[in-house]
Amino acid sequence: MKFILFVEGATEKKGAVRLIGKWLNSRLQSAGIGIKPIDLKGSGNFFKEIPRKARLHLEGPDQNKIVGAIGLLDLYGAGFFPKELSSAQEKYDWGKKKIEKDVNHDKFRMFFAVHEVEAWILSRRC
């Protein structure tokens, strides 16, 4: 059994897998659930490729071995939000809804990393 973790780059691939794996293993009764990271090579490519890549894994030959798929992207670096969205919360809500709708699979959830400093910068720039 495994989770598929879609990330925007190599740094997130290493860090997120370690962090999520540690958290997950501390809560499981039995071992055996792994995390398979998929690097989508940048936020623009992530936004473009996530619907196809997620379905490829969730509906592929190993679909019965997949517990779920998670998209993880930095909110601050993503440049695909509509211009009328100004707050970090508006961008988070829009991005989560849009990407989950585009993937359209009950085993997929989208998350954005929103750091305190990034949220402060966003509020000043928008």
N, C-alpha and C. Protein backbone atom coordinates (compact mmCIF):
# COMPACT_ATOMS: atom_id res chain seq x y z
N MET A 1 0.85 -1.18 0.00
CA MET A 1 0.00 0.00 0.00
C MET A 1 0.89 1.23 0.00
N LYS A 2 0.43 2.28 -0.73
CA LYS A 2 1.25 3.48 -0.79
C LYS A 2 0.41 4.72 -1.07
N PHE A 3 0.99 5.87 -0.70
CA PHE A 3 0.50 7.17 -1.07
C PHE A 3 1.36 7.67 -2.22
N ILE A 4 0.75 8.38 -3.14
CA ILE A 4 1.48 9.06 -4.19
C ILE A 4 1.54 10.53 -3.77
N LEU A 5 2.71 11.11 -3.77
CA LEU A 5 2.90 12.50 -3.38
C LEU A 5 3.45 13.28 -4.56
N PHE A 6 2.63 14.18 -5.10
CA PHE A 6 3.04 15.01 -6.23
C PHE A 6 3.60 16.32 -5.69
N VAL A 7 4.83 16.64 -6.07
CA VAL A 7 5.51 17.84 -5.60
C VAL A 7 6.04 18.64 -6.79
N GLU A 8 6.46 19.88 -6.52
CA GLU A 8 6.92 20.74 -7.61
C GLU A 8 8.40 20.65 -7.88
N GLY A 9 9.19 20.05 -7.00
CA GLY A 9 10.62 20.01 -7.23
C GLY A 9 11.36 19.01 -6.37
N ALA A 10 12.66 18.89 -6.63
CA ALA A 10 13.50 17.91 -5.94
C ALA A 10 13.62 18.20 -4.44
N THR A 11 13.67 19.46 -4.05
CA THR A 11 13.79 19.82 -2.64
C THR A 11 12.57 19.35 -1.86
N GLU A 12 11.39 19.65 -2.39
CA GLU A 12 10.15 19.22 -1.74
C GLU A 12 10.04 17.70 -1.74
N LYS A 13 10.53 17.11 -2.79
CA LYS A 13 10.49 15.65 -2.90
C LYS A 13 11.22 15.00 -1.73
N LYS A 14 12.41 15.49 -1.42
CA LYS A 14 13.19 14.92 -0.31
C LYS A 14 12.59 15.27 1.04
N GLY A 15 12.33 16.55 1.26
CA GLY A 15 11.85 17.01 2.56
C GLY A 15 10.47 16.52 2.92
N ALA A 16 9.54 16.62 1.99
CA ALA A 16 8.15 16.24 2.28
C ALA A 16 8.02 14.75 2.52
N VAL A 17 8.73 13.95 1.75
CA VAL A 17 8.65 12.49 1.94
C VAL A 17 9.13 12.12 3.33
N ARG A 18 10.22 12.71 3.75
CA ARG A 18 10.77 12.43 5.08
C ARG A 18 9.79 12.86 6.17
N LEU A 19 9.28 14.08 6.06
CA LEU A 19 8.37 14.62 7.06
C LEU A 19 7.06 13.85 7.13
N ILE A 20 6.43 13.63 5.99
CA ILE A 20 5.15 12.92 5.96
C ILE A 20 5.34 11.46 6.38
N GLY A 21 6.42 10.84 5.92
CA GLY A 21 6.70 9.45 6.30
C GLY A 21 6.85 9.29 7.80
N LYS A 22 7.58 10.22 8.43
CA LYS A 22 7.76 10.17 9.88
C LYS A 22 6.42 10.34 10.60
N TRP A 23 5.62 11.31 10.15
CA TRP A 23 4.31 11.55 10.75
C TRP A 23 3.39 10.33 10.57
N LEU A 24 3.36 9.80 9.36
CA LEU A 24 2.49 8.67 9.04
C LEU A 24 2.87 7.43 9.85
N ASN A 25 4.15 7.11 9.88
CA ASN A 25 4.61 5.93 10.61
C ASN A 25 4.35 6.02 12.11
N SER A 26 4.34 7.22 12.65
CA SER A 26 4.07 7.37 14.09
C SER A 26 2.61 7.11 14.43
N ARG A 27 1.75 7.09 13.43
CA ARG A 27 0.31 6.92 13.66
C ARG A 27 -0.24 5.58 13.19
N LEU A 28 0.57 4.80 12.54
CA LEU A 28 0.10 3.52 12.01
C LEU A 28 0.33 2.38 12.98
N GLN A 29 -0.63 1.48 13.03
CA GLN A 29 -0.49 0.28 13.85
C GLN A 29 0.53 -0.67 13.23
N SER A 30 0.51 -0.75 11.91
CA SER A 30 1.43 -1.64 11.21
C SER A 30 2.15 -0.89 10.10
N ALA A 31 3.34 -1.29 9.85
CA ALA A 31 4.11 -0.67 8.77
C ALA A 31 3.63 -1.21 7.43
N GLY A 32 4.14 -0.67 6.38
CA GLY A 32 3.79 -1.21 5.07
C GLY A 32 3.19 -0.20 4.12
N ILE A 33 2.90 1.01 4.59
CA ILE A 33 2.41 2.04 3.68
C ILE A 33 3.58 2.94 3.34
N GLY A 34 3.91 2.99 2.07
CA GLY A 34 5.02 3.81 1.61
C GLY A 34 4.53 5.10 0.96
N ILE A 35 5.49 5.95 0.64
CA ILE A 35 5.19 7.20 -0.04
C ILE A 35 6.03 7.24 -1.30
N LYS A 36 5.36 7.37 -2.44
CA LYS A 36 6.06 7.46 -3.72
C LYS A 36 5.99 8.91 -4.19
N PRO A 37 7.11 9.62 -4.18
CA PRO A 37 7.09 11.02 -4.64
C PRO A 37 7.22 11.12 -6.15
N ILE A 38 6.49 12.06 -6.72
CA ILE A 38 6.55 12.35 -8.15
C ILE A 38 6.88 13.84 -8.29
N ASP A 39 8.03 14.15 -8.89
CA ASP A 39 8.48 15.52 -9.11
C ASP A 39 7.90 16.03 -10.42
N LEU A 40 7.07 17.07 -10.36
CA LEU A 40 6.45 17.61 -11.56
C LEU A 40 7.21 18.82 -12.12
N LYS A 41 8.39 19.09 -11.61
CA LYS A 41 9.33 20.04 -12.22
C LYS A 41 8.82 21.47 -12.34
N GLY A 42 8.44 22.05 -11.21
CA GLY A 42 8.03 23.46 -11.18
C GLY A 42 6.54 23.67 -11.05
N SER A 43 6.17 24.84 -10.52
CA SER A 43 4.75 25.09 -10.23
C SER A 43 3.90 25.20 -11.49
N GLY A 44 4.42 25.81 -12.56
CA GLY A 44 3.66 25.91 -13.81
C GLY A 44 3.39 24.56 -14.42
N ASN A 45 4.41 23.72 -14.41
CA ASN A 45 4.26 22.37 -14.95
C ASN A 45 3.36 21.54 -14.04
N PHE A 46 3.46 21.76 -12.72
CA PHE A 46 2.60 21.06 -11.76
C PHE A 46 1.14 21.32 -12.12
N PHE A 47 0.79 22.60 -12.26
CA PHE A 47 -0.59 22.98 -12.55
C PHE A 47 -1.08 22.36 -13.86
N LYS A 48 -0.22 22.33 -14.84
CA LYS A 48 -0.58 21.79 -16.16
C LYS A 48 -0.68 20.26 -16.15
N GLU A 49 0.23 19.60 -15.45
CA GLU A 49 0.34 18.13 -15.53
C GLU A 49 -0.41 17.35 -14.45
N ILE A 50 -0.77 17.98 -13.35
CA ILE A 50 -1.35 17.22 -12.23
C ILE A 50 -2.62 16.45 -12.60
N PRO A 51 -3.54 16.98 -13.39
CA PRO A 51 -4.73 16.16 -13.70
C PRO A 51 -4.36 14.85 -14.41
N ARG A 52 -3.50 14.93 -15.39
CA ARG A 52 -3.12 13.74 -16.15
C ARG A 52 -2.27 12.78 -15.32
N LYS A 53 -1.29 13.31 -14.62
CA LYS A 53 -0.38 12.46 -13.84
C LYS A 53 -1.12 11.77 -12.69
N ALA A 54 -2.00 12.49 -12.02
CA ALA A 54 -2.74 11.88 -10.91
C ALA A 54 -3.62 10.75 -11.40
N ARG A 55 -4.36 10.99 -12.48
CA ARG A 55 -5.22 9.92 -13.02
C ARG A 55 -4.40 8.74 -13.53
N LEU A 56 -3.25 9.03 -14.11
CA LEU A 56 -2.37 7.97 -14.60
C LEU A 56 -2.02 6.99 -13.48
N HIS A 57 -1.74 7.51 -12.31
CA HIS A 57 -1.40 6.65 -11.17
C HIS A 57 -2.63 6.06 -10.50
N LEU A 58 -3.65 6.88 -10.29
CA LEU A 58 -4.84 6.43 -9.56
C LEU A 58 -5.72 5.46 -10.35
N GLU A 59 -5.59 5.47 -11.66
CA GLU A 59 -6.39 4.58 -12.50
C GLU A 59 -5.53 3.57 -13.25
N GLY A 60 -4.24 3.51 -12.90
CA GLY A 60 -3.31 2.62 -13.58
C GLY A 60 -3.33 1.21 -13.02
N PRO A 61 -2.39 0.38 -13.46
CA PRO A 61 -2.36 -1.03 -13.06
C PRO A 61 -2.16 -1.24 -11.56
N ASP A 62 -1.56 -0.28 -10.86
CA ASP A 62 -1.34 -0.42 -9.41
C ASP A 62 -2.41 0.28 -8.58
N GLN A 63 -3.53 0.64 -9.18
CA GLN A 63 -4.54 1.43 -8.48
C GLN A 63 -5.03 0.80 -7.18
N ASN A 64 -5.07 -0.52 -7.10
CA ASN A 64 -5.53 -1.18 -5.88
C ASN A 64 -4.51 -1.12 -4.75
N LYS A 65 -3.28 -0.73 -5.06
CA LYS A 65 -2.24 -0.60 -4.04
C LYS A 65 -2.11 0.83 -3.52
N ILE A 66 -2.86 1.76 -4.12
CA ILE A 66 -2.74 3.17 -3.75
C ILE A 66 -3.83 3.56 -2.76
N VAL A 67 -3.40 4.04 -1.61
CA VAL A 67 -4.33 4.50 -0.57
C VAL A 67 -4.89 5.87 -0.95
N GLY A 68 -4.03 6.72 -1.50
CA GLY A 68 -4.44 8.06 -1.88
C GLY A 68 -3.32 8.79 -2.57
N ALA A 69 -3.66 9.93 -3.15
CA ALA A 69 -2.68 10.78 -3.82
C ALA A 69 -2.82 12.20 -3.26
N ILE A 70 -1.68 12.82 -3.04
CA ILE A 70 -1.63 14.15 -2.46
C ILE A 70 -0.83 15.07 -3.37
N GLY A 71 -1.38 16.23 -3.67
CA GLY A 71 -0.65 17.27 -4.37
C GLY A 71 -0.14 18.26 -3.34
N LEU A 72 1.13 18.64 -3.43
CA LEU A 72 1.71 19.60 -2.48
C LEU A 72 2.50 20.64 -3.26
N LEU A 73 2.13 21.90 -3.09
CA LEU A 73 2.72 22.98 -3.86
C LEU A 73 2.85 24.21 -2.97
N ASP A 74 3.95 24.97 -3.13
CA ASP A 74 4.10 26.23 -2.40
C ASP A 74 3.13 27.25 -2.97
N LEU A 75 2.35 27.86 -2.10
CA LEU A 75 1.39 28.86 -2.55
C LEU A 75 2.10 30.09 -3.11
N TYR A 76 3.14 30.53 -2.46
CA TYR A 76 3.80 31.77 -2.84
C TYR A 76 4.43 31.71 -4.23
N GLY A 77 5.01 30.61 -4.60
CA GLY A 77 5.70 30.52 -5.89
C GLY A 77 4.79 30.26 -7.07
N ALA A 78 3.57 29.84 -6.81
CA ALA A 78 2.65 29.49 -7.90
C ALA A 78 2.12 30.76 -8.57
N GLY A 79 2.23 30.83 -9.88
CA GLY A 79 1.82 32.02 -10.59
C GLY A 79 0.60 31.84 -11.47
N PHE A 80 -0.22 30.85 -11.19
CA PHE A 80 -1.36 30.56 -12.07
C PHE A 80 -2.69 31.04 -11.52
N PHE A 81 -2.68 31.81 -10.44
CA PHE A 81 -3.94 32.26 -9.84
C PHE A 81 -4.53 33.43 -10.62
N PRO A 82 -5.85 33.52 -10.67
CA PRO A 82 -6.46 34.69 -11.30
C PRO A 82 -6.03 35.98 -10.59
N LYS A 83 -5.85 37.03 -11.34
CA LYS A 83 -5.34 38.31 -10.81
C LYS A 83 -6.25 38.94 -9.76
N GLU A 84 -7.54 38.64 -9.83
CA GLU A 84 -8.46 39.26 -8.87
C GLU A 84 -8.37 38.66 -7.46
N LEU A 85 -7.67 37.56 -7.32
CA LEU A 85 -7.49 36.96 -5.99
C LEU A 85 -6.32 37.65 -5.31
N SER A 86 -6.55 38.18 -4.12
CA SER A 86 -5.48 38.94 -3.48
C SER A 86 -4.92 38.30 -2.21
N SER A 87 -5.74 37.66 -1.43
CA SER A 87 -5.24 37.11 -0.16
C SER A 87 -4.74 35.68 -0.33
N ALA A 88 -3.89 35.27 0.58
CA ALA A 88 -3.38 33.90 0.58
C ALA A 88 -4.54 32.91 0.71
N GLN A 89 -5.53 33.23 1.54
CA GLN A 89 -6.68 32.35 1.74
C GLN A 89 -7.49 32.19 0.46
N GLU A 90 -7.71 33.29 -0.26
CA GLU A 90 -8.46 33.22 -1.53
C GLU A 90 -7.72 32.35 -2.54
N LYS A 91 -6.42 32.53 -2.63
CA LYS A 91 -5.62 31.75 -3.57
C LYS A 91 -5.60 30.28 -3.17
N TYR A 92 -5.45 30.01 -1.88
CA TYR A 92 -5.46 28.63 -1.40
C TYR A 92 -6.79 27.95 -1.76
N ASP A 93 -7.89 28.61 -1.41
CA ASP A 93 -9.22 28.02 -1.66
C ASP A 93 -9.46 27.79 -3.15
N TRP A 94 -9.12 28.80 -3.98
CA TRP A 94 -9.32 28.67 -5.42
C TRP A 94 -8.46 27.54 -5.99
N GLY A 95 -7.17 27.51 -5.62
CA GLY A 95 -6.25 26.50 -6.15
C GLY A 95 -6.65 25.09 -5.76
N LYS A 96 -7.03 24.91 -4.50
CA LYS A 96 -7.45 23.59 -4.01
C LYS A 96 -8.68 23.11 -4.77
N LYS A 97 -9.68 23.98 -4.88
CA LYS A 97 -10.93 23.62 -5.57
C LYS A 97 -10.67 23.33 -7.04
N LYS A 98 -9.91 24.19 -7.71
CA LYS A 98 -9.63 24.04 -9.14
C LYS A 98 -8.89 22.75 -9.44
N ILE A 99 -7.80 22.50 -8.71
CA ILE A 99 -6.99 21.32 -9.00
C ILE A 99 -7.73 20.03 -8.64
N GLU A 100 -8.42 20.00 -7.51
CA GLU A 100 -9.19 18.81 -7.15
C GLU A 100 -10.30 18.55 -8.17
N LYS A 101 -10.92 19.60 -8.68
CA LYS A 101 -11.95 19.43 -9.71
C LYS A 101 -11.33 18.90 -11.01
N ASP A 102 -10.17 19.42 -11.38
CA ASP A 102 -9.50 18.98 -12.61
C ASP A 102 -9.05 17.52 -12.53
N VAL A 103 -8.56 17.11 -11.36
CA VAL A 103 -8.14 15.71 -11.17
C VAL A 103 -9.37 14.82 -11.13
N ASN A 104 -10.39 15.24 -10.39
CA ASN A 104 -11.67 14.54 -10.34
C ASN A 104 -11.54 13.07 -9.93
N HIS A 105 -10.92 12.86 -8.78
CA HIS A 105 -10.79 11.50 -8.26
C HIS A 105 -10.93 11.54 -6.75
N ASP A 106 -11.72 10.62 -6.19
CA ASP A 106 -12.00 10.64 -4.75
C ASP A 106 -10.78 10.31 -3.87
N LYS A 107 -9.73 9.81 -4.43
CA LYS A 107 -8.52 9.51 -3.64
C LYS A 107 -7.47 10.63 -3.73
N PHE A 108 -7.81 11.75 -4.36
CA PHE A 108 -6.85 12.84 -4.51
C PHE A 108 -7.24 14.05 -3.66
N ARG A 109 -6.26 14.64 -2.98
CA ARG A 109 -6.45 15.89 -2.23
C ARG A 109 -5.28 16.81 -2.54
N MET A 110 -5.57 18.09 -2.65
CA MET A 110 -4.55 19.10 -2.95
C MET A 110 -4.29 19.95 -1.73
N PHE A 111 -3.01 20.24 -1.48
CA PHE A 111 -2.60 21.09 -0.37
C PHE A 111 -1.57 22.09 -0.86
N PHE A 112 -1.60 23.27 -0.27
CA PHE A 112 -0.61 24.29 -0.55
C PHE A 112 0.15 24.59 0.73
N ALA A 113 1.46 24.72 0.62
CA ALA A 113 2.27 25.14 1.75
C ALA A 113 2.15 26.65 1.85
N VAL A 114 1.68 27.12 2.99
CA VAL A 114 1.55 28.55 3.23
C VAL A 114 2.37 28.85 4.47
N HIS A 115 3.49 29.51 4.27
CA HIS A 115 4.37 29.83 5.38
C HIS A 115 4.02 31.21 5.90
N GLU A 116 4.26 31.44 7.18
CA GLU A 116 3.94 32.72 7.81
C GLU A 116 4.53 33.90 7.03
N VAL A 117 5.79 33.82 6.68
CA VAL A 117 6.46 34.91 5.96
C VAL A 117 5.84 35.07 4.58
N GLU A 118 5.57 33.96 3.92
CA GLU A 118 4.97 34.04 2.59
C GLU A 118 3.60 34.69 2.64
N ALA A 119 2.80 34.34 3.63
CA ALA A 119 1.47 34.93 3.75
C ALA A 119 1.59 36.44 3.99
N TRP A 120 2.56 36.85 4.78
CA TRP A 120 2.78 38.27 5.04
C TRP A 120 3.18 38.98 3.75
N ILE A 121 4.10 38.40 2.98
CA ILE A 121 4.54 38.99 1.71
C ILE A 121 3.37 39.09 0.74
N LEU A 122 2.57 38.03 0.65
CA LEU A 122 1.42 38.05 -0.25
C LEU A 122 0.46 39.16 0.11
N SER A 123 0.21 39.35 1.40
CA SER A 123 -0.73 40.38 1.82
C SER A 123 -0.21 41.77 1.48
N ARG A 124 1.10 41.96 1.43
CA ARG A 124 1.69 43.26 1.11
C ARG A 124 1.79 43.50 -0.41
N ARG A 125 1.91 42.44 -1.18
CA ARG A 125 2.07 42.57 -2.63
C ARG A 125 0.74 42.73 -3.35
N CYS A 126 -0.32 42.15 -2.80
CA CYS A 126 -1.58 42.08 -3.54
C CYS A 126 -2.47 43.26 -3.26
